[in-house]
């Protein structure tokens, strides 16, 4: 269960829930989503990776987006159940 107060992993789990059996998704999140361990996020991330649901995560440079200074990252998710 994702922690309350930070929706990063709630969004990831929502996208995974909505994917078709062979679906793919790309998501932009805050960079901290790649290494946060608070509220069970590390366990959720580990389980997603071990289940083969994460194709890759890409860290983006700071100040890439004009409207925020927060560094971002890309998550690429895939279900390969076909």
C-alpha atoms as a PDB file:
ATOM      1  CA  UNK A   1       0.000   0.000   0.000  1.00  0.00           C
ATOM      2  CA  UNK A   2       1.531   3.359  -0.984  1.00  0.00           C
ATOM      3  CA  UNK A   3       2.103   5.853   1.823  1.00  0.00           C
ATOM      4  CA  UNK A   4      -0.340   8.672   2.426  1.00  0.00           C
ATOM      5  CA  UNK A   5       1.039  12.119   1.723  1.00  0.00           C
ATOM      6  CA  UNK A   6       3.038  11.083  -1.368  1.00  0.00           C
ATOM      7  CA  UNK A   7       1.178   9.871  -4.444  1.00  0.00           C
ATOM      8  CA  UNK A   8       4.156   8.683  -6.542  1.00  0.00           C
ATOM      9  CA  UNK A   9       3.612   5.004  -5.869  1.00  0.00           C
ATOM     10  CA  UNK A  10      -0.166   5.331  -5.912  1.00  0.00           C
ATOM     11  CA  UNK A  11       0.162   6.632  -9.484  1.00  0.00           C
ATOM     12  CA  UNK A  12       2.542   3.846 -10.473  1.00  0.00           C
ATOM     13  CA  UNK A  13       0.204   1.214  -9.074  1.00  0.00           C
ATOM     14  CA  UNK A  14      -2.783   2.871 -10.773  1.00  0.00           C
ATOM     15  CA  UNK A  15      -1.018   2.788 -14.150  1.00  0.00           C
ATOM     16  CA  UNK A  16      -0.067  -0.862 -13.657  1.00  0.00           C
ATOM     17  CA  UNK A  17      -3.637  -1.749 -12.709  1.00  0.00           C
ATOM     18  CA  UNK A  18      -4.948  -0.105 -15.894  1.00  0.00           C
ATOM     19  CA  UNK A  19      -2.452  -1.697 -18.305  1.00  0.00           C
ATOM     20  CA  UNK A  20      -3.687  -4.353 -20.702  1.00  0.00           C
ATOM     21  CA  UNK A  21      -1.975  -7.781 -20.501  1.00  0.00           C
ATOM     22  CA  UNK A  22       0.697  -6.609 -22.968  1.00  0.00           C
ATOM     23  CA  UNK A  23       0.488  -2.904 -22.131  1.00  0.00           C
ATOM     24  CA  UNK A  24       3.256  -0.338 -21.717  1.00  0.00           C
ATOM     25  CA  UNK A  25       3.298   2.986 -19.882  1.00  0.00           C
ATOM     26  CA  UNK A  26       5.688   5.888 -19.484  1.00  0.00           C
ATOM     27  CA  UNK A  27       5.364   8.165 -16.464  1.00  0.00           C
ATOM     28  CA  UNK A  28       7.160  11.353 -15.387  1.00  0.00           C
ATOM     29  CA  UNK A  29       7.696  11.536 -11.621  1.00  0.00           C
ATOM     30  CA  UNK A  30       9.915  13.387  -9.165  1.00  0.00           C
ATOM     31  CA  UNK A  31      13.472  12.039  -9.072  1.00  0.00           C
ATOM     32  CA  UNK A  32      13.033  10.952  -5.453  1.00  0.00           C
ATOM     33  CA  UNK A  33      10.660   8.203  -6.567  1.00  0.00           C
ATOM     34  CA  UNK A  34      13.672   6.187  -7.762  1.00  0.00           C
ATOM     35  CA  UNK A  35      15.338   5.911  -4.354  1.00  0.00           C
ATOM     36  CA  UNK A  36      12.856   6.789  -1.593  1.00  0.00           C
ATOM     37  CA  UNK A  37      12.413   4.167   1.113  1.00  0.00           C
ATOM     38  CA  UNK A  38       9.913   5.994   3.308  1.00  0.00           C
ATOM     39  CA  UNK A  39       6.473   4.557   3.944  1.00  0.00           C
ATOM     40  CA  UNK A  40       7.269   1.244   2.283  1.00  0.00           C
ATOM     41  CA  UNK A  41       8.140   2.805  -1.084  1.00  0.00           C
ATOM     42  CA  UNK A  42      11.394   0.848  -1.269  1.00  0.00           C
ATOM     43  CA  UNK A  43       9.523  -2.429  -0.818  1.00  0.00           C
ATOM     44  CA  UNK A  44       6.938  -1.492  -3.451  1.00  0.00           C
ATOM     45  CA  UNK A  45       9.698  -0.554  -5.915  1.00  0.00           C
ATOM     46  CA  UNK A  46      11.621  -3.775  -5.198  1.00  0.00           C
ATOM     47  CA  UNK A  47       8.503  -5.897  -5.723  1.00  0.00           C
ATOM     48  CA  UNK A  48       7.665  -4.117  -8.987  1.00  0.00           C
ATOM     49  CA  UNK A  49      11.204  -4.656 -10.295  1.00  0.00           C
ATOM     50  CA  UNK A  50      11.361  -8.294  -9.190  1.00  0.00           C
ATOM     51  CA  UNK A  51       7.977  -8.935 -10.848  1.00  0.00           C
ATOM     52  CA  UNK A  52       9.410  -7.632 -14.143  1.00  0.00           C
ATOM     53  CA  UNK A  53       6.970  -4.722 -14.317  1.00  0.00           C
ATOM     54  CA  UNK A  54       9.635  -1.992 -14.595  1.00  0.00           C
ATOM     55  CA  UNK A  55      11.415  -1.878 -17.948  1.00  0.00           C
ATOM     56  CA  UNK A  56      13.641   1.020 -16.937  1.00  0.00           C
ATOM     57  CA  UNK A  57      13.933   4.244 -14.969  1.00  0.00           C
ATOM     58  CA  UNK A  58      15.732   7.264 -16.412  1.00  0.00           C
ATOM     59  CA  UNK A  59      16.978  10.176 -14.310  1.00  0.00           C
ATOM     60  CA  UNK A  60      16.561  13.530 -16.049  1.00  0.00           C
ATOM     61  CA  UNK A  61      18.771  16.595 -15.526  1.00  0.00           C
ATOM     62  CA  UNK A  62      17.716  19.346 -13.141  1.00  0.00           C
ATOM     63  CA  UNK A  63      15.936  22.398 -14.590  1.00  0.00           C
ATOM     64  CA  UNK A  64      14.702  20.424 -17.602  1.00  0.00           C
ATOM     65  CA  UNK A  65      11.147  21.733 -17.174  1.00  0.00           C
ATOM     66  CA  UNK A  66      10.485  25.477 -17.159  1.00  0.00           C
ATOM     67  CA  UNK A  67       7.793  25.411 -14.500  1.00  0.00           C
ATOM     68  CA  UNK A  68       9.693  23.546 -11.764  1.00  0.00           C
ATOM     69  CA  UNK A  69      13.199  23.236 -10.396  1.00  0.00           C
ATOM     70  CA  UNK A  70      12.525  19.705  -9.086  1.00  0.00           C
ATOM     71  CA  UNK A  71      14.586  17.075 -10.921  1.00  0.00           C
ATOM     72  CA  UNK A  72      12.395  14.500 -12.624  1.00  0.00           C
ATOM     73  CA  UNK A  73      12.688  10.959 -13.899  1.00  0.00           C
ATOM     74  CA  UNK A  74      10.932   8.683 -16.352  1.00  0.00           C
ATOM     75  CA  UNK A  75       9.511   5.295 -15.413  1.00  0.00           C
ATOM     76  CA  UNK A  76       8.724   2.802 -18.164  1.00  0.00           C
ATOM     77  CA  UNK A  77       6.376   0.033 -17.084  1.00  0.00           C
ATOM     78  CA  UNK A  78       5.328  -3.059 -19.029  1.00  0.00           C
ATOM     79  CA  UNK A  79       3.150  -6.090 -18.540  1.00  0.00           C
ATOM     80  CA  UNK A  80       4.418  -9.076 -20.470  1.00  0.00           C
ATOM     81  CA  UNK A  81       1.708 -11.585 -19.684  1.00  0.00           C
ATOM     82  CA  UNK A  82       0.498 -12.183 -23.258  1.00  0.00           C
END
